[in-house]
Amino acid sequence: MEKELLNYPFEKGTPFVSIGGVMSNLYLKGLVNDICREKMLKPYFASPKYSSDNASGNAFGAFMNYSSRY
């Protein structure tokens, strides 16, 4: 994950939304936060009550994809 995030061509100042079971892991959350700082992104982490399962992150991503089309 770290290599992919560091090599992705993010636009500076872009929001980076993290949600899902993996983001309830404090180590990974810290890593993502550090990468966001380095890439000049604005990290947003969902509350742990919304990050208990990866399905919540998939549902959020699908909603955002669907919403952007209409």
Protein backbone atom coordinates (compact mmCIF):
# COMPACT_ATOMS: atom_id res chain seq x y z
CA MET A 1 0.00 0.00 0.00
CA GLU A 2 2.78 2.43 0.90
CA LYS A 3 4.54 2.07 -2.46
CA GLU A 4 1.30 2.57 -4.39
CA LEU A 5 0.32 5.67 -2.43
CA LEU A 6 3.78 7.21 -2.70
CA ASN A 7 3.89 6.66 -6.47
CA TYR A 8 0.33 7.74 -7.26
CA PRO A 9 0.20 11.18 -8.98
CA PHE A 10 -2.10 12.93 -6.49
CA GLU A 11 -2.97 16.59 -7.00
CA LYS A 12 -1.75 18.72 -4.08
CA GLY A 13 -4.51 19.64 -1.64
CA THR A 14 -6.78 16.81 -2.78
CA PRO A 15 -8.94 15.26 -0.04
CA PHE A 16 -7.98 11.67 0.78
CA VAL A 17 -10.90 9.83 2.37
CA SER A 18 -10.18 6.60 4.24
CA ILE A 19 -12.96 4.35 5.43
CA GLY A 20 -13.27 0.64 6.08
CA GLY A 21 -11.94 -2.06 8.38
CA VAL A 22 -8.28 -1.59 7.48
CA MET A 23 -8.39 2.05 8.52
CA SER A 24 -9.27 1.07 12.07
CA ASN A 25 -5.66 -0.17 12.32
CA LEU A 26 -3.70 2.60 14.06
CA TYR A 27 -0.39 1.69 12.39
CA LEU A 28 -1.89 1.91 8.88
CA LYS A 29 -3.78 5.07 9.79
CA GLY A 30 -0.50 6.66 10.89
CA LEU A 31 1.23 5.53 7.70
CA VAL A 32 -1.54 6.98 5.51
CA ASN A 33 -1.43 10.22 7.53
CA ASP A 34 2.34 10.49 7.01
CA ILE A 35 2.02 9.86 3.27
CA CYS A 36 -0.77 12.44 3.01
CA ARG A 37 1.45 14.98 4.75
CA GLU A 38 4.32 14.20 2.37
CA LYS A 39 2.05 14.39 -0.71
CA MET A 40 0.31 17.54 0.61
CA LEU A 41 -3.11 15.85 0.74
CA LYS A 42 -5.94 16.48 3.19
CA PRO A 43 -6.62 13.18 5.01
CA TYR A 44 -10.10 12.41 6.33
CA PHE A 45 -10.66 9.28 8.39
CA ALA A 46 -14.09 7.90 9.15
CA SER A 47 -15.05 7.33 12.74
CA PRO A 48 -14.14 3.80 13.94
CA LYS A 49 -17.86 3.03 14.25
CA TYR A 50 -18.05 3.35 10.44
CA SER A 51 -14.81 1.47 9.85
CA SER A 52 -15.55 -1.87 11.43
CA ASP A 53 -15.84 -3.65 8.09
CA ASN A 54 -14.30 -3.17 4.64
CA ALA A 55 -17.77 -3.36 3.11
CA SER A 56 -18.49 0.10 4.50
CA GLY A 57 -15.55 1.53 2.53
CA ASN A 58 -16.66 -0.27 -0.64
CA ALA A 59 -20.22 1.02 -0.20
CA PHE A 60 -18.96 4.57 0.31
CA GLY A 61 -16.78 4.36 -2.82
CA ALA A 62 -19.67 2.98 -4.87
CA PHE A 63 -21.94 5.77 -3.61
CA MET A 64 -19.38 8.44 -4.51
CA ASN A 65 -18.90 6.91 -7.97
CA TYR A 66 -22.65 6.74 -8.55
CA SER A 67 -23.21 10.27 -7.21
CA SER A 68 -20.57 11.79 -9.46
CA ARG A 69 -22.45 10.54 -12.53
CA TYR A 70 -25.79 12.17 -11.67
